[in-house]
Amino acid sequence: MNRLTRRCLLGAGVTLGIAAAGRTQAWAAPETARDLQFILHAVFFSDETHQAQPLDPHAFVKDPSAPAGIGPQNIPHIAGFRPALVAGPLDVETFNAQGKSLGFSLADWFAAKGSVKITPSDAGARLDCRFTQLRPNGVYSLFENHFDQKPIGFTPSDGRGKGNSFTAGVNGSAAISMTSPHPLTHDNAVLLVYHSDGVTHGLERGEIGVTAHHQIIVRIPA
């Protein structure tokens, strides 16, 4: 074997080794599960959009001095109502953007808590969610935020809008599991949407601020 042939074979061996390493990396076992805690969507949204006063763009309170307008998430609201302030009074009634009572106080709305265990899998990612202090017997759906889309996109967390909804128990607790059809990254979040009309909307959330309200959210860490 001459030197040229030996160099070619060595080069081919290195190339094959790199390719094999790449294949090994591509077929590596999924990373371990992550346990994440939801936070109020109002807090998340206000931080992301640098609101001077943290507010909830999906929940409204009475304010006789408030003119009709369009809220910070492009939700039109009638006169006499405005988006609720996170640091404002909590023992007040909560309304939708059209002035219809949601049937609970702002304190109850802000009390929601939740956690999700995200386990990567070959099919995408399994989501095991637990919630407390939701609206008793309230109808909810889980959606996925797509921050890499402009405007931000939303799809059902199960990808189909068939198994991403549930009704909270009489004590406001709930547990639900589903599989996302793709891995979740920092470009995504898991979002809990409350349906004040008591109806799920399949692939859609519903009319934002009117029948669909973002309550709590968790963004996937980088």
Protein backbone atom coordinates (compact mmCIF):
# COMPACT_ATOMS: atom_id res chain seq x y z
CA MET A 1 0.00 0.00 0.00
CA ASN A 2 1.56 3.32 -1.04
CA ARG A 3 1.41 6.53 1.00
CA LEU A 4 -1.26 8.13 -1.19
CA THR A 5 -3.57 5.14 -0.80
CA ARG A 6 -2.98 5.09 2.96
CA ARG A 7 -3.79 8.81 3.25
CA CYS A 8 -7.01 8.32 1.26
CA LEU A 9 -8.08 5.44 3.47
CA LEU A 10 -7.30 7.38 6.63
CA GLY A 11 -9.25 10.36 5.33
CA ALA A 12 -12.20 8.15 4.47
CA GLY A 13 -12.04 6.62 7.94
CA VAL A 14 -12.15 10.04 9.58
CA THR A 15 -15.09 11.04 7.37
CA LEU A 16 -16.96 7.85 8.20
CA GLY A 17 -16.20 8.37 11.88
CA ILE A 18 -17.64 11.88 11.80
CA ALA A 19 -20.72 10.66 9.92
CA ALA A 20 -21.22 7.86 12.42
CA ALA A 21 -20.88 10.30 15.29
CA GLY A 22 -23.48 12.50 13.65
CA ARG A 23 -25.83 9.56 13.31
CA THR A 24 -25.23 8.61 16.93
CA GLN A 25 -26.08 12.15 18.01
CA ALA A 26 -29.18 12.23 15.84
CA TRP A 27 -30.45 8.96 17.30
CA ALA A 28 -29.46 9.71 20.89
CA ALA A 29 -31.98 8.93 23.59
CA PRO A 30 -34.38 11.79 24.37
CA GLU A 31 -33.31 14.21 27.09
CA THR A 32 -34.77 13.73 30.54
CA ALA A 33 -38.14 15.10 31.60
CA ARG A 34 -38.58 18.67 32.81
CA ASP A 35 -40.89 19.77 35.61
CA LEU A 36 -42.06 23.34 35.04
CA GLN A 37 -44.37 25.71 36.89
CA PHE A 38 -46.96 27.94 35.23
CA ILE A 39 -47.09 31.67 35.98
CA LEU A 40 -49.87 34.18 35.43
CA HIS A 41 -50.21 35.06 31.77
CA ALA A 42 -50.76 38.67 32.88
CA VAL A 43 -47.31 38.75 34.48
CA PHE A 44 -45.65 36.98 31.54
CA PHE A 45 -47.29 39.24 28.95
CA SER A 46 -46.53 42.44 30.88
CA ASP A 47 -42.88 41.47 31.26
CA GLU A 48 -42.50 40.47 27.60
CA THR A 49 -44.12 43.69 26.35
CA HIS A 50 -42.56 45.99 28.99
CA GLN A 51 -45.85 47.36 30.29
CA ALA A 52 -45.46 50.39 32.57
CA GLN A 53 -48.06 48.81 34.86
CA PRO A 54 -48.43 45.01 34.75
CA LEU A 55 -51.93 44.21 33.50
CA ASP A 56 -54.11 41.41 32.22
CA PRO A 57 -55.14 41.95 28.59
CA HIS A 58 -57.78 39.18 28.83
CA ALA A 59 -59.63 40.16 32.03
CA PHE A 60 -61.43 43.47 32.52
CA VAL A 61 -62.72 45.50 35.46
CA LYS A 62 -65.22 48.34 35.70
CA ASP A 63 -63.84 51.87 35.36
CA PRO A 64 -66.40 54.62 34.63
CA SER A 65 -63.63 56.88 33.32
CA ALA A 66 -62.34 54.35 30.77
CA PRO A 67 -63.24 55.14 27.15
CA ALA A 68 -63.88 52.44 24.58
CA GLY A 69 -60.61 51.37 23.03
CA ILE A 70 -58.25 48.63 21.97
CA GLY A 71 -56.19 46.96 24.68
CA PRO A 72 -52.47 46.13 24.58
CA GLN A 73 -53.10 42.76 22.90
CA ASN A 74 -55.37 44.31 20.26
CA ILE A 75 -58.53 43.33 22.11
CA PRO A 76 -61.31 45.92 21.63
CA HIS A 77 -63.26 46.75 24.80
CA ILE A 78 -66.35 48.83 25.46
CA ALA A 79 -66.44 52.09 27.43
CA GLY A 80 -66.56 51.77 31.21
CA PHE A 81 -64.16 48.81 31.29
CA ARG A 82 -60.38 48.45 31.12
CA PRO A 83 -57.78 45.67 31.41
CA ALA A 84 -57.27 44.65 35.05
CA LEU A 85 -54.06 45.75 36.76
CA VAL A 86 -52.02 43.03 38.46
CA ALA A 87 -51.27 45.35 41.40
CA GLY A 88 -54.80 46.80 41.55
CA PRO A 89 -57.68 45.83 43.87
CA LEU A 90 -58.36 42.10 43.75
CA ASP A 91 -61.76 41.96 45.44
CA VAL A 92 -63.51 43.24 42.33
CA GLU A 93 -65.70 41.53 39.76
CA THR A 94 -64.06 40.39 36.52
CA PHE A 95 -65.60 40.94 33.08
CA ASN A 96 -64.88 40.18 29.45
CA ALA A 97 -64.11 42.89 26.90
CA GLN A 98 -67.83 43.36 26.17
CA GLY A 99 -68.74 43.98 29.81
CA LYS A 100 -70.16 40.53 30.54
CA SER A 101 -69.39 39.26 34.03
CA LEU A 102 -67.11 36.23 34.17
CA GLY A 103 -68.69 35.21 37.48
CA PHE A 104 -65.65 35.46 39.74
CA SER A 105 -63.38 38.02 41.36
CA LEU A 106 -60.00 39.11 40.10
CA ALA A 107 -58.48 37.41 43.15
CA ASP A 108 -60.01 34.11 42.04
CA TRP A 109 -58.73 34.64 38.48
CA PHE A 110 -55.19 35.34 39.65
CA ALA A 111 -55.20 32.38 42.08
CA ALA A 112 -54.78 29.70 39.38
CA LYS A 113 -51.73 27.47 39.67
CA GLY A 114 -50.33 24.70 37.51
CA SER A 115 -47.38 22.49 36.71
CA VAL A 116 -46.38 20.44 33.71
CA LYS A 117 -43.96 17.56 33.28
CA ILE A 118 -42.60 17.55 29.73
CA THR A 119 -41.05 14.27 28.64
CA PRO A 120 -39.40 14.16 25.19
CA SER A 121 -40.31 11.13 23.10
CA ASP A 122 -39.92 9.84 19.56
CA ALA A 123 -43.46 11.10 18.88
CA GLY A 124 -42.69 14.62 20.12
CA ALA A 125 -43.22 15.41 23.80
CA ARG A 126 -45.57 14.08 26.45
CA LEU A 127 -47.26 16.69 28.63
CA ASP A 128 -48.55 15.74 32.08
CA CYS A 129 -50.33 18.74 33.58
CA ARG A 130 -51.85 19.40 36.98
CA PHE A 131 -53.87 22.46 37.98
CA THR A 132 -55.44 23.86 41.13
CA GLN A 133 -57.64 26.85 41.96
CA LEU A 134 -59.20 27.03 38.52
CA ARG A 135 -62.80 28.06 37.92
CA PRO A 136 -64.90 25.22 39.43
CA ASN A 137 -66.47 23.28 36.55
CA GLY A 138 -64.77 25.70 34.15
CA VAL A 139 -63.93 24.64 30.61
CA TYR A 140 -60.28 24.94 29.60
CA SER A 141 -57.92 24.09 26.75
CA LEU A 142 -54.16 23.86 26.44
CA PHE A 143 -52.51 25.61 23.53
CA GLU A 144 -48.95 25.97 22.32
CA ASN A 145 -47.41 29.37 21.62
CA HIS A 146 -45.09 29.69 18.62
CA PHE A 147 -42.87 32.68 19.37
CA ASP A 148 -40.86 32.07 16.20
CA GLN A 149 -43.91 33.12 14.15
CA LYS A 150 -44.96 36.72 13.48
CA PRO A 151 -47.55 37.33 14.70
CA ILE A 152 -47.21 34.71 17.42
CA GLY A 153 -49.00 31.52 16.40
CA PHE A 154 -51.18 29.25 18.54
CA THR A 155 -51.99 25.58 18.01
CA PRO A 156 -53.67 22.98 20.25
CA SER A 157 -51.10 21.28 22.46
CA ASP A 158 -52.10 17.88 21.10
CA GLY A 159 -51.81 19.16 17.52
CA ARG A 160 -55.41 18.20 16.66
CA GLY A 161 -57.71 20.02 19.05
CA LYS A 162 -59.23 16.69 20.11
CA GLY A 163 -57.58 15.88 23.43
CA ASN A 164 -56.34 19.23 24.73
CA SER A 165 -59.49 20.34 26.59
CA PHE A 166 -60.96 19.51 29.99
CA THR A 167 -63.47 20.59 32.61
CA ALA A 168 -62.10 21.49 36.04
CA GLY A 169 -63.48 19.69 39.06
CA VAL A 170 -65.90 21.19 41.57
CA ASN A 171 -62.88 22.15 43.68
CA GLY A 172 -61.11 23.81 40.74
CA SER A 173 -58.50 21.09 40.27
CA ALA A 174 -57.68 19.14 37.12
CA ALA A 175 -55.11 16.80 35.60
CA ILE A 176 -54.64 16.09 31.91
CA SER A 177 -52.03 14.39 29.73
CA MET A 178 -51.41 14.58 26.00
CA THR A 179 -48.64 14.29 23.43
CA SER A 180 -47.37 17.22 21.41
CA PRO A 181 -46.64 16.13 17.83
CA HIS A 182 -43.17 17.70 17.91
CA PRO A 183 -40.41 18.53 20.42
CA LEU A 184 -40.90 21.71 22.46
CA THR A 185 -38.19 24.38 22.48
CA HIS A 186 -37.69 27.91 23.82
CA ASP A 187 -39.75 29.05 20.82
CA ASN A 188 -42.77 27.46 22.51
CA ALA A 189 -44.88 27.81 25.63
CA VAL A 190 -47.72 25.82 27.16
CA LEU A 191 -50.74 28.09 27.61
CA LEU A 192 -53.93 27.50 29.59
CA VAL A 193 -56.98 29.12 27.98
CA TYR A 194 -60.24 29.58 29.89
CA HIS A 195 -63.44 29.40 27.82
CA SER A 196 -65.93 31.75 29.47
CA ASP A 197 -68.63 30.59 27.04
CA GLY A 198 -68.22 27.02 28.32
CA VAL A 199 -67.41 25.78 24.82
CA THR A 200 -64.19 24.49 23.29
CA HIS A 201 -63.28 25.65 19.80
CA GLY A 202 -61.21 22.82 18.32
CA LEU A 203 -58.17 24.18 16.52
CA GLU A 204 -58.97 27.74 17.63
CA ARG A 205 -58.92 29.36 21.05
CA GLY A 206 -62.16 31.29 20.62
CA GLU A 207 -62.72 35.06 20.56
CA ILE A 208 -59.85 36.46 22.60
CA GLY A 209 -60.91 38.57 25.57
CA VAL A 210 -64.57 37.73 24.92
CA THR A 211 -64.96 33.95 25.15
CA ALA A 212 -61.29 32.88 25.41
CA HIS A 213 -58.95 34.17 28.10
CA HIS A 214 -55.26 33.36 28.64
CA GLN A 215 -54.89 32.53 32.34
CA ILE A 216 -51.51 30.91 33.06
CA ILE A 217 -48.51 30.03 30.92
CA VAL A 218 -45.05 28.46 31.03
CA ARG A 219 -42.40 29.08 28.40
CA ILE A 220 -39.94 26.28 27.71
CA PRO A 221 -36.52 27.30 29.10
CA ALA A 222 -33.66 27.81 26.63
